[in-house]
Amino acid sequence: MRQGEIWVHKDLAGILVEDEEGYHFSYSPAYLEKENAIPVSLTLPLQEREFHSDFLFSFFDGLVPEGWLLDIAHKNWKLNPRDRIGLLLATCKDCIGNISVLEK
């Protein structure tokens, strides 16, 4: 099982988990209680119920580098380009925009 903390700006928004049943994302109760909480993505609206998918959620998959940046991650860090969550956890600590992913 692999996990990543999903941060919006400087707030811990939730946890992304990969296990034998697929992928799960759930918002932190403390984040949901924030007055100015915003969803991680329009496809992952604020809710208490956990999201589940057989594949990495398209929003998170879209954060994974492509092209020459993916080549650098593959060659320098020996990351498998097909291991999407592995790439997400390794390369998205400081993404463009307001989202950060930190391996837990």
C-alpha atoms as a PDB file:
ATOM      1  CA  MET A   1       0.000   0.000   0.000  1.00  0.00           C
ATOM      2  CA  ARG A   2       1.264   3.474  -0.911  1.00  0.00           C
ATOM      3  CA  GLN A   3      -0.075   6.754   0.391  1.00  0.00           C
ATOM      4  CA  GLY A   4       0.323  10.416  -0.341  1.00  0.00           C
ATOM      5  CA  GLU A   5      -0.765  13.508   1.506  1.00  0.00           C
ATOM      6  CA  ILE A   6      -2.594  15.946  -0.754  1.00  0.00           C
ATOM      7  CA  TRP A   7      -1.985  19.571   0.153  1.00  0.00           C
ATOM      8  CA  VAL A   8      -3.899  22.598  -1.121  1.00  0.00           C
ATOM      9  CA  HIS A   9      -1.723  25.644  -0.600  1.00  0.00           C
ATOM     10  CA  LYS A  10      -0.411  24.969   2.921  1.00  0.00           C
ATOM     11  CA  ASP A  11      -3.406  22.947   4.161  1.00  0.00           C
ATOM     12  CA  LEU A  12      -3.532  19.150   4.355  1.00  0.00           C
ATOM     13  CA  ALA A  13      -6.619  18.440   2.260  1.00  0.00           C
ATOM     14  CA  GLY A  14      -6.653  14.648   2.260  1.00  0.00           C
ATOM     15  CA  ILE A  15      -4.976  11.323   1.693  1.00  0.00           C
ATOM     16  CA  LEU A  16      -4.565   9.388  -1.553  1.00  0.00           C
ATOM     17  CA  VAL A  17      -4.105   5.628  -1.112  1.00  0.00           C
ATOM     18  CA  GLU A  18      -3.228   2.862  -3.552  1.00  0.00           C
ATOM     19  CA  ASP A  19      -3.977  -0.665  -2.337  1.00  0.00           C
ATOM     20  CA  GLU A  20      -5.014  -4.027  -3.773  1.00  0.00           C
ATOM     21  CA  GLU A  21      -8.566  -2.714  -4.310  1.00  0.00           C
ATOM     22  CA  GLY A  22      -7.510   0.324  -6.358  1.00  0.00           C
ATOM     23  CA  TYR A  23      -7.222   3.989  -5.469  1.00  0.00           C
ATOM     24  CA  HIS A  24      -8.945   5.893  -2.698  1.00  0.00           C
ATOM     25  CA  PHE A  25      -9.034   9.578  -1.887  1.00  0.00           C
ATOM     26  CA  SER A  26     -10.608  11.065   1.202  1.00  0.00           C
ATOM     27  CA  TYR A  27     -10.666  14.586   2.506  1.00  0.00           C
ATOM     28  CA  SER A  28      -9.368  15.285   5.987  1.00  0.00           C
ATOM     29  CA  PRO A  29     -12.221  16.047   8.430  1.00  0.00           C
ATOM     30  CA  ALA A  30     -10.275  19.114   9.633  1.00  0.00           C
ATOM     31  CA  TYR A  31      -9.998  20.359   6.040  1.00  0.00           C
ATOM     32  CA  LEU A  32     -13.730  19.879   5.424  1.00  0.00           C
ATOM     33  CA  GLU A  33     -14.457  21.980   8.507  1.00  0.00           C
ATOM     34  CA  LYS A  34     -12.388  24.918   7.206  1.00  0.00           C
ATOM     35  CA  GLU A  35     -14.494  27.879   6.213  1.00  0.00           C
ATOM     36  CA  ASN A  36     -12.436  28.520   3.068  1.00  0.00           C
ATOM     37  CA  ALA A  37     -11.921  24.881   2.004  1.00  0.00           C
ATOM     38  CA  ILE A  38     -11.805  24.401  -1.748  1.00  0.00           C
ATOM     39  CA  PRO A  39     -11.984  21.080  -3.588  1.00  0.00           C
ATOM     40  CA  VAL A  40      -8.774  19.548  -4.881  1.00  0.00           C
ATOM     41  CA  SER A  41     -10.484  19.308  -8.262  1.00  0.00           C
ATOM     42  CA  LEU A  42     -13.953  19.747  -9.744  1.00  0.00           C
ATOM     43  CA  THR A  43     -13.991  15.978 -10.203  1.00  0.00           C
ATOM     44  CA  LEU A  44     -13.330  15.496  -6.454  1.00  0.00           C
ATOM     45  CA  PRO A  45     -15.872  17.767  -4.761  1.00  0.00           C
ATOM     46  CA  LEU A  46     -15.770  18.359  -1.020  1.00  0.00           C
ATOM     47  CA  GLN A  47     -17.486  15.461   0.749  1.00  0.00           C
ATOM     48  CA  GLU A  48     -17.023  13.195   3.748  1.00  0.00           C
ATOM     49  CA  ARG A  49     -17.451   9.994   1.736  1.00  0.00           C
ATOM     50  CA  GLU A  50     -14.293   8.428   0.284  1.00  0.00           C
ATOM     51  CA  PHE A  51     -13.748   8.421  -3.478  1.00  0.00           C
ATOM     52  CA  HIS A  52     -12.757   5.105  -5.101  1.00  0.00           C
ATOM     53  CA  SER A  53     -11.370   4.257  -8.543  1.00  0.00           C
ATOM     54  CA  ASP A  54      -9.803   1.229 -10.192  1.00  0.00           C
ATOM     55  CA  PHE A  55      -7.336   3.596 -11.880  1.00  0.00           C
ATOM     56  CA  LEU A  56      -5.428   6.616 -10.605  1.00  0.00           C
ATOM     57  CA  PHE A  57      -7.883   9.527 -10.546  1.00  0.00           C
ATOM     58  CA  SER A  58      -7.496  11.535 -13.739  1.00  0.00           C
ATOM     59  CA  PHE A  59      -6.796  14.758 -11.827  1.00  0.00           C
ATOM     60  CA  PHE A  60      -3.807  13.209 -10.041  1.00  0.00           C
ATOM     61  CA  ASP A  61      -2.633  11.434 -13.189  1.00  0.00           C
ATOM     62  CA  GLY A  62      -2.625  14.819 -14.908  1.00  0.00           C
ATOM     63  CA  LEU A  63      -0.067  16.104 -12.382  1.00  0.00           C
ATOM     64  CA  VAL A  64       2.483  13.448 -13.420  1.00  0.00           C
ATOM     65  CA  PRO A  65       5.229  14.846 -15.669  1.00  0.00           C
ATOM     66  CA  GLU A  66       5.288  14.032 -19.364  1.00  0.00           C
ATOM     67  CA  GLY A  67       7.751  14.268 -22.217  1.00  0.00           C
ATOM     68  CA  TRP A  68      11.314  15.325 -21.434  1.00  0.00           C
ATOM     69  CA  LEU A  69      10.531  15.795 -17.729  1.00  0.00           C
ATOM     70  CA  LEU A  70       9.254  12.209 -17.526  1.00  0.00           C
ATOM     71  CA  ASP A  71      12.447  11.077 -19.274  1.00  0.00           C
ATOM     72  CA  ILE A  72      14.524  12.857 -16.626  1.00  0.00           C
ATOM     73  CA  ALA A  73      12.550  11.204 -13.790  1.00  0.00           C
ATOM     74  CA  HIS A  74      12.925   7.814 -15.475  1.00  0.00           C
ATOM     75  CA  LYS A  75      16.659   8.101 -16.160  1.00  0.00           C
ATOM     76  CA  ASN A  76      17.845   9.933 -13.037  1.00  0.00           C
ATOM     77  CA  TRP A  77      15.578   8.418 -10.398  1.00  0.00           C
ATOM     78  CA  LYS A  78      15.054   5.037 -12.090  1.00  0.00           C
ATOM     79  CA  LEU A  79      11.278   5.436 -11.915  1.00  0.00           C
ATOM     80  CA  ASN A  80       9.084   3.219 -14.039  1.00  0.00           C
ATOM     81  CA  PRO A  81       7.139   5.487 -16.436  1.00  0.00           C
ATOM     82  CA  ARG A  82       4.121   3.164 -16.061  1.00  0.00           C
ATOM     83  CA  ASP A  83       4.070   3.486 -12.270  1.00  0.00           C
ATOM     84  CA  ARG A  84       1.810   6.526 -12.214  1.00  0.00           C
ATOM     85  CA  ILE A  85       1.385   6.817  -8.443  1.00  0.00           C
ATOM     86  CA  GLY A  86       5.101   6.231  -7.933  1.00  0.00           C
ATOM     87  CA  LEU A  87       5.800   9.121 -10.306  1.00  0.00           C
ATOM     88  CA  LEU A  88       3.185  11.267  -8.588  1.00  0.00           C
ATOM     89  CA  LEU A  89       4.687  10.651  -5.149  1.00  0.00           C
ATOM     90  CA  ALA A  90       8.247  11.227  -6.351  1.00  0.00           C
ATOM     91  CA  THR A  91       7.794  14.264  -8.573  1.00  0.00           C
ATOM     92  CA  CYS A  92       4.815  16.271  -7.329  1.00  0.00           C
ATOM     93  CA  LYS A  93       6.081  17.680  -4.050  1.00  0.00           C
ATOM     94  CA  ASP A  94       6.059  21.131  -5.638  1.00  0.00           C
ATOM     95  CA  CYS A  95       3.660  21.146  -8.580  1.00  0.00           C
ATOM     96  CA  ILE A  96       2.653  24.115 -10.635  1.00  0.00           C
ATOM     97  CA  GLY A  97      -0.499  25.491  -9.053  1.00  0.00           C
ATOM     98  CA  ASN A  98      -1.857  25.036  -5.572  1.00  0.00           C
ATOM     99  CA  ILE A  99      -1.510  21.245  -5.161  1.00  0.00           C
ATOM    100  CA  SER A 100       1.377  19.362  -3.557  1.00  0.00           C
ATOM    101  CA  VAL A 101       1.705  15.620  -3.024  1.00  0.00           C
ATOM    102  CA  LEU A 102       3.924  14.314  -0.233  1.00  0.00           C
ATOM    103  CA  GLU A 103       4.630  10.642   0.223  1.00  0.00           C
ATOM    104  CA  LYS A 104       3.315   9.437   3.532  1.00  0.00           C
END
